[in-house]
Amino acid sequence: GVVLLTVMEIHHLWQGFSLLSLVSRLLKHIAFSHRLTVLYTNFAVGNGDKAALGETWAGVPHHRLLLIHEPSLSLRLASLLKSPSHPLDTNCAFEISDKGIAVDHVS
């Protein structure tokens, strides 16, 4: 993200859009060709209502997860927001520890 942001700041907007489109196609190709999962983050910026990579990447992921961590709790929550093959609003509580990731509850 930082590399893309730097490149986008240097070039015109259409060049940045073109670069993001190229990267998304490349990641999908690599994932499909090698049977891999590609995970990327798109942190919110501003007041938390805009994605850092913008609307350009809105259609890129096949599955979209919202990861929530409440510092007062040891558990974290993953919510499925977009999926072509799984029911939406599926939630999963999990914990990250020295032993790895443990699923606590799926709803």
N, C-alpha and C. Protein backbone atom coordinates (compact mmCIF):
# COMPACT_ATOMS: atom_id res chain seq x y z
N GLY A 1 0.81 -1.18 0.00
CA GLY A 1 0.00 0.00 0.00
C GLY A 1 0.86 1.26 0.00
N VAL A 2 1.89 1.29 0.82
CA VAL A 2 2.74 2.48 0.91
C VAL A 2 3.44 2.72 -0.42
N VAL A 3 3.92 1.65 -1.04
CA VAL A 3 4.59 1.78 -2.34
C VAL A 3 3.62 2.31 -3.37
N LEU A 4 2.41 1.75 -3.41
CA LEU A 4 1.42 2.21 -4.38
C LEU A 4 1.03 3.66 -4.12
N LEU A 5 0.89 4.03 -2.85
CA LEU A 5 0.53 5.40 -2.52
C LEU A 5 1.61 6.36 -3.00
N THR A 6 2.87 6.02 -2.80
CA THR A 6 3.97 6.87 -3.25
C THR A 6 3.96 7.01 -4.76
N VAL A 7 3.76 5.91 -5.45
CA VAL A 7 3.71 5.96 -6.92
C VAL A 7 2.53 6.79 -7.37
N MET A 8 1.38 6.63 -6.71
CA MET A 8 0.19 7.39 -7.10
C MET A 8 0.37 8.88 -6.85
N GLU A 9 1.10 9.25 -5.81
CA GLU A 9 1.32 10.66 -5.54
C GLU A 9 2.20 11.28 -6.62
N ILE A 10 3.10 10.51 -7.17
CA ILE A 10 4.03 11.03 -8.17
C ILE A 10 3.34 11.16 -9.53
N HIS A 11 2.53 10.19 -9.89
CA HIS A 11 1.90 10.17 -11.20
C HIS A 11 0.50 10.76 -11.15
N HIS A 12 -0.07 10.96 -12.32
CA HIS A 12 -1.44 11.46 -12.40
C HIS A 12 -2.41 10.41 -11.91
N LEU A 13 -3.62 10.84 -11.62
CA LEU A 13 -4.63 9.95 -11.06
C LEU A 13 -4.91 8.76 -11.97
N TRP A 14 -5.00 8.97 -13.28
CA TRP A 14 -5.32 7.84 -14.16
C TRP A 14 -4.21 6.82 -14.19
N GLN A 15 -2.98 7.26 -14.01
CA GLN A 15 -1.87 6.33 -13.95
C GLN A 15 -1.92 5.50 -12.67
N GLY A 16 -2.32 6.14 -11.56
CA GLY A 16 -2.48 5.42 -10.30
C GLY A 16 -3.58 4.38 -10.40
N PHE A 17 -4.70 4.77 -11.03
CA PHE A 17 -5.80 3.84 -11.24
C PHE A 17 -5.35 2.66 -12.09
N SER A 18 -4.60 2.94 -13.13
CA SER A 18 -4.11 1.90 -14.02
C SER A 18 -3.18 0.95 -13.26
N LEU A 19 -2.33 1.49 -12.40
CA LEU A 19 -1.42 0.66 -11.62
C LEU A 19 -2.19 -0.24 -10.66
N LEU A 20 -3.18 0.31 -9.97
CA LEU A 20 -3.99 -0.49 -9.05
C LEU A 20 -4.72 -1.60 -9.80
N SER A 21 -5.23 -1.31 -10.97
CA SER A 21 -5.92 -2.32 -11.77
C SER A 21 -4.95 -3.43 -12.18
N LEU A 22 -3.75 -3.05 -12.58
CA LEU A 22 -2.74 -4.03 -12.96
C LEU A 22 -2.37 -4.92 -11.78
N VAL A 23 -2.15 -4.33 -10.62
CA VAL A 23 -1.80 -5.10 -9.43
C VAL A 23 -2.93 -6.06 -9.06
N SER A 24 -4.17 -5.61 -9.12
CA SER A 24 -5.28 -6.50 -8.77
C SER A 24 -5.38 -7.68 -9.73
N ARG A 25 -5.21 -7.44 -11.02
CA ARG A 25 -5.23 -8.54 -12.00
C ARG A 25 -4.07 -9.50 -11.77
N LEU A 26 -2.90 -8.97 -11.46
CA LEU A 26 -1.73 -9.80 -11.20
C LEU A 26 -1.93 -10.67 -9.96
N LEU A 27 -2.46 -10.10 -8.89
CA LEU A 27 -2.71 -10.87 -7.67
C LEU A 27 -3.73 -11.98 -7.91
N LYS A 28 -4.78 -11.69 -8.66
CA LYS A 28 -5.79 -12.71 -8.97
C LYS A 28 -5.18 -13.83 -9.82
N HIS A 29 -4.34 -13.46 -10.76
CA HIS A 29 -3.70 -14.45 -11.62
C HIS A 29 -2.78 -15.37 -10.80
N ILE A 30 -1.97 -14.77 -9.94
CA ILE A 30 -1.07 -15.55 -9.10
C ILE A 30 -1.86 -16.49 -8.19
N ALA A 31 -2.92 -15.97 -7.58
CA ALA A 31 -3.74 -16.79 -6.68
C ALA A 31 -4.36 -17.97 -7.43
N PHE A 32 -4.92 -17.71 -8.60
CA PHE A 32 -5.57 -18.77 -9.37
C PHE A 32 -4.55 -19.78 -9.89
N SER A 33 -3.45 -19.30 -10.44
CA SER A 33 -2.44 -20.17 -11.04
C SER A 33 -1.76 -21.09 -10.03
N HIS A 34 -1.57 -20.60 -8.83
CA HIS A 34 -0.83 -21.35 -7.82
C HIS A 34 -1.71 -21.85 -6.68
N ARG A 35 -3.03 -21.69 -6.84
CA ARG A 35 -3.99 -22.13 -5.82
C ARG A 35 -3.63 -21.56 -4.45
N LEU A 36 -3.44 -20.25 -4.43
CA LEU A 36 -3.06 -19.54 -3.21
C LEU A 36 -4.18 -18.60 -2.79
N THR A 37 -4.14 -18.21 -1.56
CA THR A 37 -5.01 -17.15 -1.06
C THR A 37 -4.17 -15.89 -0.94
N VAL A 38 -4.68 -14.80 -1.46
CA VAL A 38 -4.00 -13.51 -1.33
C VAL A 38 -4.77 -12.69 -0.31
N LEU A 39 -4.08 -12.21 0.68
CA LEU A 39 -4.68 -11.38 1.71
C LEU A 39 -4.06 -10.00 1.62
N TYR A 40 -4.92 -9.00 1.54
CA TYR A 40 -4.42 -7.63 1.58
C TYR A 40 -5.31 -6.84 2.52
N THR A 41 -4.76 -5.78 3.05
CA THR A 41 -5.53 -4.93 3.95
C THR A 41 -5.78 -3.59 3.26
N ASN A 42 -6.89 -3.00 3.61
CA ASN A 42 -7.30 -1.72 3.04
C ASN A 42 -7.82 -0.87 4.19
N PHE A 43 -6.89 -0.38 5.01
CA PHE A 43 -7.25 0.35 6.21
C PHE A 43 -8.10 1.57 5.91
N ALA A 44 -8.95 1.91 6.85
CA ALA A 44 -9.78 3.11 6.72
C ALA A 44 -8.93 4.34 7.03
N VAL A 45 -9.22 5.42 6.35
CA VAL A 45 -8.51 6.68 6.56
C VAL A 45 -9.52 7.77 6.87
N GLY A 46 -9.02 8.95 7.17
CA GLY A 46 -9.91 10.07 7.49
C GLY A 46 -10.64 9.79 8.79
N ASN A 47 -11.95 9.88 8.75
CA ASN A 47 -12.78 9.61 9.93
C ASN A 47 -13.10 8.13 10.05
N GLY A 48 -12.42 7.30 9.28
CA GLY A 48 -12.68 5.87 9.31
C GLY A 48 -13.74 5.44 8.33
N ASP A 49 -14.16 6.36 7.46
CA ASP A 49 -15.25 6.04 6.53
C ASP A 49 -14.77 5.86 5.09
N LYS A 50 -13.48 6.01 4.82
CA LYS A 50 -12.96 5.84 3.47
C LYS A 50 -11.82 4.83 3.48
N ALA A 51 -11.84 3.94 2.50
CA ALA A 51 -10.78 2.95 2.37
C ALA A 51 -9.54 3.61 1.78
N ALA A 52 -8.37 3.21 2.28
CA ALA A 52 -7.11 3.82 1.84
C ALA A 52 -6.88 3.63 0.34
N LEU A 53 -7.27 2.49 -0.21
CA LEU A 53 -7.07 2.24 -1.64
C LEU A 53 -8.23 2.77 -2.48
N GLY A 54 -9.23 3.34 -1.85
CA GLY A 54 -10.34 3.95 -2.56
C GLY A 54 -11.31 2.96 -3.16
N GLU A 55 -12.21 3.48 -3.95
CA GLU A 55 -13.26 2.68 -4.58
C GLU A 55 -12.71 1.77 -5.68
N THR A 56 -11.50 2.05 -6.14
CA THR A 56 -10.88 1.25 -7.19
C THR A 56 -10.86 -0.23 -6.82
N TRP A 57 -10.59 -0.51 -5.56
CA TRP A 57 -10.45 -1.90 -5.12
C TRP A 57 -11.73 -2.47 -4.54
N ALA A 58 -12.83 -1.76 -4.62
CA ALA A 58 -14.08 -2.24 -4.02
C ALA A 58 -14.51 -3.59 -4.60
N GLY A 59 -14.29 -3.81 -5.88
CA GLY A 59 -14.71 -5.05 -6.50
C GLY A 59 -13.63 -6.10 -6.63
N VAL A 60 -12.44 -5.82 -6.13
CA VAL A 60 -11.31 -6.73 -6.31
C VAL A 60 -11.43 -8.01 -5.49
N PRO A 61 -11.72 -7.93 -4.19
CA PRO A 61 -11.73 -9.18 -3.43
C PRO A 61 -12.96 -10.03 -3.72
N HIS A 62 -12.77 -11.34 -3.68
CA HIS A 62 -13.90 -12.25 -3.80
C HIS A 62 -14.63 -12.33 -2.47
N HIS A 63 -13.87 -12.27 -1.39
CA HIS A 63 -14.42 -12.32 -0.04
C HIS A 63 -13.90 -11.11 0.72
N ARG A 64 -14.78 -10.50 1.49
CA ARG A 64 -14.37 -9.34 2.28
C ARG A 64 -14.69 -9.61 3.74
N LEU A 65 -13.69 -9.46 4.58
CA LEU A 65 -13.84 -9.65 6.02
C LEU A 65 -13.66 -8.33 6.74
N LEU A 66 -14.43 -8.14 7.78
CA LEU A 66 -14.22 -7.02 8.69
C LEU A 66 -13.64 -7.62 9.96
N LEU A 67 -12.44 -7.19 10.33
CA LEU A 67 -11.78 -7.70 11.53
C LEU A 67 -11.87 -6.64 12.62
N ILE A 68 -12.37 -7.05 13.77
CA ILE A 68 -12.58 -6.13 14.88
C ILE A 68 -11.82 -6.63 16.10
N HIS A 69 -11.13 -5.72 16.76
CA HIS A 69 -10.43 -6.07 18.00
C HIS A 69 -10.79 -5.06 19.06
N GLU A 70 -11.37 -5.54 20.13
CA GLU A 70 -11.64 -4.70 21.28
C GLU A 70 -10.49 -4.89 22.27
N PRO A 71 -9.71 -3.86 22.53
CA PRO A 71 -8.55 -4.02 23.43
C PRO A 71 -8.91 -4.57 24.80
N SER A 72 -10.13 -4.31 25.28
CA SER A 72 -10.52 -4.79 26.61
C SER A 72 -10.82 -6.29 26.62
N LEU A 73 -11.01 -6.88 25.44
CA LEU A 73 -11.30 -8.31 25.34
C LEU A 73 -10.14 -9.05 24.68
N SER A 74 -9.95 -10.29 25.05
CA SER A 74 -8.90 -11.06 24.40
C SER A 74 -9.38 -11.61 23.05
N LEU A 75 -10.70 -11.65 22.85
CA LEU A 75 -11.25 -12.18 21.61
C LEU A 75 -11.31 -11.11 20.53
N ARG A 76 -11.24 -11.57 19.31
CA ARG A 76 -11.42 -10.72 18.14
C ARG A 76 -12.60 -11.26 17.37
N LEU A 77 -13.14 -10.46 16.46
CA LEU A 77 -14.30 -10.88 15.69
C LEU A 77 -14.03 -10.68 14.21
N ALA A 78 -14.34 -11.68 13.41
CA ALA A 78 -14.27 -11.58 11.95
C ALA A 78 -15.70 -11.72 11.42
N SER A 79 -16.12 -10.76 10.60
CA SER A 79 -17.45 -10.79 10.00
C SER A 79 -17.31 -10.84 8.49
N LEU A 80 -18.06 -11.74 7.86
CA LEU A 80 -18.03 -11.87 6.41
C LEU A 80 -18.98 -10.84 5.80
N LEU A 81 -18.42 -9.91 5.03
CA LEU A 81 -19.21 -8.84 4.43
C LEU A 81 -19.50 -9.06 2.95
N LYS A 82 -18.66 -9.86 2.28
CA LYS A 82 -18.84 -10.10 0.85
C LYS A 82 -18.35 -11.50 0.53
N SER A 83 -19.18 -12.25 -0.19
CA SER A 83 -18.78 -13.59 -0.60
C SER A 83 -19.72 -14.09 -1.69
N PRO A 84 -19.17 -14.68 -2.76
CA PRO A 84 -20.03 -15.25 -3.79
C PRO A 84 -20.54 -16.64 -3.41
N SER A 85 -19.98 -17.24 -2.35
CA SER A 85 -20.32 -18.63 -2.05
C SER A 85 -20.71 -18.94 -0.61
N HIS A 86 -20.64 -17.96 0.27
CA HIS A 86 -20.96 -18.20 1.68
C HIS A 86 -21.99 -17.19 2.15
N PRO A 87 -22.82 -17.55 3.15
CA PRO A 87 -23.83 -16.61 3.65
C PRO A 87 -23.17 -15.38 4.29
N LEU A 88 -23.72 -14.22 3.98
CA LEU A 88 -23.18 -12.98 4.54
C LEU A 88 -23.54 -12.86 6.02
N ASP A 89 -22.86 -11.96 6.68
CA ASP A 89 -23.04 -11.71 8.10
C ASP A 89 -22.73 -12.93 8.96
N THR A 90 -21.88 -13.82 8.47
CA THR A 90 -21.36 -14.90 9.28
C THR A 90 -20.25 -14.32 10.14
N ASN A 91 -20.30 -14.61 11.43
CA ASN A 91 -19.32 -14.07 12.36
C ASN A 91 -18.53 -15.18 13.00
N CYS A 92 -17.28 -14.87 13.32
CA CYS A 92 -16.41 -15.84 13.96
C CYS A 92 -15.57 -15.12 15.01
N ALA A 93 -15.70 -15.56 16.25
CA ALA A 93 -14.85 -15.03 17.31
C ALA A 93 -13.60 -15.89 17.38
N PHE A 94 -12.45 -15.24 17.54
CA PHE A 94 -11.19 -15.98 17.60
C PHE A 94 -10.21 -15.27 18.52
N GLU A 95 -9.21 -16.02 18.92
CA GLU A 95 -8.19 -15.48 19.82
C GLU A 95 -6.82 -15.75 19.22
N ILE A 96 -5.94 -14.78 19.30
CA ILE A 96 -4.56 -14.94 18.83
C ILE A 96 -3.66 -15.01 20.06
N SER A 97 -2.87 -16.09 20.12
CA SER A 97 -1.97 -16.26 21.25
C SER A 97 -0.62 -16.76 20.74
N ASP A 98 0.28 -17.04 21.65
CA ASP A 98 1.58 -17.59 21.29
C ASP A 98 1.46 -18.94 20.61
N LYS A 99 0.36 -19.63 20.85
CA LYS A 99 0.13 -20.96 20.28
C LYS A 99 -0.52 -20.89 18.90
N GLY A 100 -0.93 -19.71 18.46
CA GLY A 100 -1.56 -19.56 17.16
C GLY A 100 -2.94 -18.94 17.28
N ILE A 101 -3.81 -19.28 16.34
CA ILE A 101 -5.17 -18.76 16.29
C ILE A 101 -6.13 -19.85 16.72
N ALA A 102 -7.01 -19.53 17.67
CA ALA A 102 -8.01 -20.47 18.14
C ALA A 102 -9.39 -19.89 17.88
N VAL A 103 -10.26 -20.65 17.21
CA VAL A 103 -11.62 -20.22 16.94
C VAL A 103 -12.46 -20.48 18.19
N ASP A 104 -13.17 -19.45 18.63
CA ASP A 104 -13.97 -19.57 19.83
C ASP A 104 -15.43 -19.88 19.52
N HIS A 105 -15.99 -19.18 18.52
CA HIS A 105 -17.42 -19.33 18.24
C HIS A 105 -17.71 -18.85 16.82
N VAL A 106 -18.53 -19.60 16.11
CA VAL A 106 -18.96 -19.20 14.77
C VAL A 106 -20.48 -19.07 14.79
N SER A 107 -20.99 -17.97 14.25
CA SER A 107 -22.45 -17.79 14.20
C SER A 107 -22.88 -17.31 12.84
